[in-house]
Amino acid sequence: GEERPLDAEPFPAEPSKQPTAAEWKAAPRVRLSRAGPAAAGCRAYRTREWLRIRCPELTVSAIALLGGKTEGVAFWIDPPRGGSELPRGGEVMFPIRRGDRRVIQILTFGPGYDGPFTLLPAIVVQEQWLDDEPAPTVTAS
């Protein structure tokens, strides 16, 4: 479907429960405030104040919350498929609430000091909603 602006729907004033699988299935795709080339294959979905960013084509080795509120943050890394030994795809989910600041790093494998399977940063997701701003900013680059 068509990507909507991140803040097309108003954000609820009160915190809500984590969405169900059925709610995510029906959730519209949204456009992040900014996305760099590294995040070109990722898709974002929003339901209520919850955001889910899914990167199906990225070989995800690890996902880490570098800073910010841990409440409601969840990560998944897809198991390897098609005879590959490497995981393919991953996603991150978190609530966007006024006053929030978060930095999440998605890592991949690549050549480096530890050989071909060195953990390397692939995408950094930053979320912030300052108290005096009308809408949050979420970037992936």
Protein backbone atom coordinates (compact mmCIF):
# COMPACT_ATOMS: atom_id res chain seq x y z
CA GLY A 1 0.00 0.00 0.00
CA GLU A 2 0.75 3.67 -0.09
CA GLU A 3 3.13 5.09 2.53
CA ARG A 4 1.51 7.67 4.79
CA PRO A 5 3.33 10.40 6.70
CA LEU A 6 4.47 9.19 10.13
CA ASP A 7 2.09 11.60 11.87
CA ALA A 8 -0.89 11.24 9.47
CA GLU A 9 -2.96 9.87 12.36
CA PRO A 10 -2.88 11.66 15.71
CA PHE A 11 -0.87 9.94 18.42
CA PRO A 12 -2.94 8.84 21.45
CA ALA A 13 -2.42 10.87 24.63
CA GLU A 14 -2.49 7.77 26.84
CA PRO A 15 -0.09 4.80 26.50
CA SER A 16 -1.70 1.74 24.91
CA LYS A 17 -0.85 -1.95 25.01
CA GLN A 18 1.54 -3.56 22.55
CA PRO A 19 -0.33 -4.34 19.30
CA THR A 20 -1.42 -7.87 18.47
CA ALA A 21 -0.24 -9.74 15.36
CA ALA A 22 -3.63 -9.03 13.75
CA GLU A 23 -3.28 -5.30 14.41
CA TRP A 24 0.18 -5.26 12.82
CA LYS A 25 -1.18 -7.11 9.78
CA ALA A 26 -3.71 -4.31 9.27
CA ALA A 27 -1.28 -1.47 10.11
CA PRO A 28 -0.58 1.06 7.34
CA ARG A 29 2.92 1.67 6.03
CA VAL A 30 4.37 4.98 7.11
CA ARG A 31 7.24 7.12 5.89
CA LEU A 32 9.99 7.86 8.40
CA SER A 33 11.08 11.47 8.88
CA ARG A 34 14.30 10.55 7.07
CA ALA A 35 15.78 7.31 5.76
CA GLY A 36 19.29 6.92 4.36
CA PRO A 37 20.40 4.53 1.58
CA ALA A 38 21.27 1.81 4.12
CA ALA A 39 17.62 1.68 5.19
CA ALA A 40 16.20 1.68 1.64
CA GLY A 41 15.00 -1.92 1.96
CA CYS A 42 13.27 -1.33 5.29
CA ARG A 43 9.55 -0.73 5.78
CA ALA A 44 7.85 1.07 8.66
CA TYR A 45 4.34 0.41 9.98
CA ARG A 46 2.38 2.27 12.61
CA THR A 47 -0.62 1.41 14.74
CA ARG A 48 -1.68 3.81 17.52
CA GLU A 49 1.64 5.06 18.99
CA TRP A 50 3.52 1.87 18.10
CA LEU A 51 6.07 1.75 15.29
CA ARG A 52 7.51 -1.35 13.67
CA ILE A 53 10.49 -1.13 11.32
CA ARG A 54 11.14 -4.26 9.31
CA CYS A 55 14.26 -4.86 7.16
CA PRO A 56 13.54 -8.15 5.33
CA GLU A 57 16.57 -8.18 3.03
CA LEU A 58 19.26 -7.20 5.52
CA THR A 59 21.44 -9.93 7.01
CA VAL A 60 20.88 -8.98 10.65
CA SER A 61 23.46 -10.20 13.16
CA ALA A 62 22.32 -8.23 16.20
CA ILE A 63 20.05 -5.40 17.31
CA ALA A 64 20.87 -3.20 20.30
CA LEU A 65 19.24 -0.31 22.13
CA LEU A 66 22.14 2.15 22.46
CA GLY A 67 20.24 4.65 24.56
CA GLY A 68 16.82 5.78 25.67
CA LYS A 69 13.75 4.21 27.20
CA THR A 70 13.60 0.42 27.15
CA GLU A 71 9.86 0.28 27.84
CA GLY A 72 8.01 -1.51 25.04
CA VAL A 73 11.11 -2.00 22.87
CA ALA A 74 11.27 -5.40 21.17
CA PHE A 75 13.56 -6.91 18.51
CA TRP A 76 13.33 -9.94 16.25
CA ILE A 77 15.92 -11.51 14.01
CA ASP A 78 14.51 -13.90 11.40
CA PRO A 79 15.99 -17.41 11.42
CA PRO A 80 18.15 -18.44 8.43
CA ARG A 81 16.20 -19.73 5.44
CA GLY A 82 16.83 -21.49 2.16
CA GLY A 83 19.91 -23.40 3.29
CA SER A 84 21.75 -20.25 4.35
CA GLU A 85 23.52 -20.20 7.68
CA LEU A 86 23.01 -16.46 8.04
CA PRO A 87 19.85 -14.87 9.41
CA ARG A 88 18.01 -12.79 6.84
CA GLY A 89 15.84 -9.96 8.01
CA GLY A 90 14.99 -8.42 11.31
CA GLU A 91 12.68 -5.91 12.89
CA VAL A 92 12.40 -3.53 15.76
CA MET A 93 9.25 -2.31 17.50
CA PHE A 94 8.77 0.51 20.00
CA PRO A 95 6.18 3.01 21.19
CA ILE A 96 6.52 6.68 20.21
CA ARG A 97 5.48 8.91 23.09
CA ARG A 98 6.01 12.59 23.84
CA GLY A 99 9.30 13.16 25.68
CA ASP A 100 10.90 10.01 24.22
CA ARG A 101 14.42 9.69 22.90
CA ARG A 102 15.83 6.41 21.63
CA VAL A 103 18.75 5.17 19.57
CA ILE A 104 18.67 1.61 18.22
CA GLN A 105 21.44 0.01 16.19
CA ILE A 106 20.93 -2.83 13.72
CA LEU A 107 24.13 -4.74 12.98
CA THR A 108 25.10 -6.97 10.08
CA PHE A 109 28.05 -9.22 9.26
CA GLY A 110 30.93 -8.08 7.12
CA PRO A 111 34.68 -8.37 6.67
CA GLY A 112 36.69 -6.84 9.50
CA TYR A 113 39.10 -7.57 12.33
CA ASP A 114 37.27 -10.75 13.29
CA GLY A 115 37.26 -12.17 9.76
CA PRO A 116 34.28 -12.33 7.36
CA PHE A 117 31.72 -12.46 10.19
CA THR A 118 32.68 -9.29 12.03
CA LEU A 119 29.66 -7.46 13.50
CA LEU A 120 29.32 -4.16 11.67
CA PRO A 121 26.79 -1.36 12.17
CA ALA A 122 24.24 -1.39 9.34
CA ILE A 123 21.45 0.99 10.34
CA VAL A 124 20.93 3.38 13.23
CA VAL A 125 17.30 4.18 14.10
CA GLN A 126 16.80 7.39 16.07
CA GLU A 127 13.51 8.41 17.60
CA GLN A 128 12.81 11.58 19.50
CA TRP A 129 9.78 13.60 20.45
CA LEU A 130 10.68 16.73 22.34
CA ASP A 131 7.96 18.12 24.58
CA ASP A 132 7.51 21.31 22.57
CA GLU A 133 7.37 19.64 19.14
CA PRO A 134 4.02 18.85 17.46
CA ALA A 135 5.22 15.50 16.13
CA PRO A 136 8.04 13.00 16.64
CA THR A 137 11.09 12.57 14.43
CA VAL A 138 12.16 9.04 13.47
CA THR A 139 15.16 8.47 11.22
CA ALA A 140 16.93 5.38 9.92
CA SER A 141 20.31 5.70 8.26
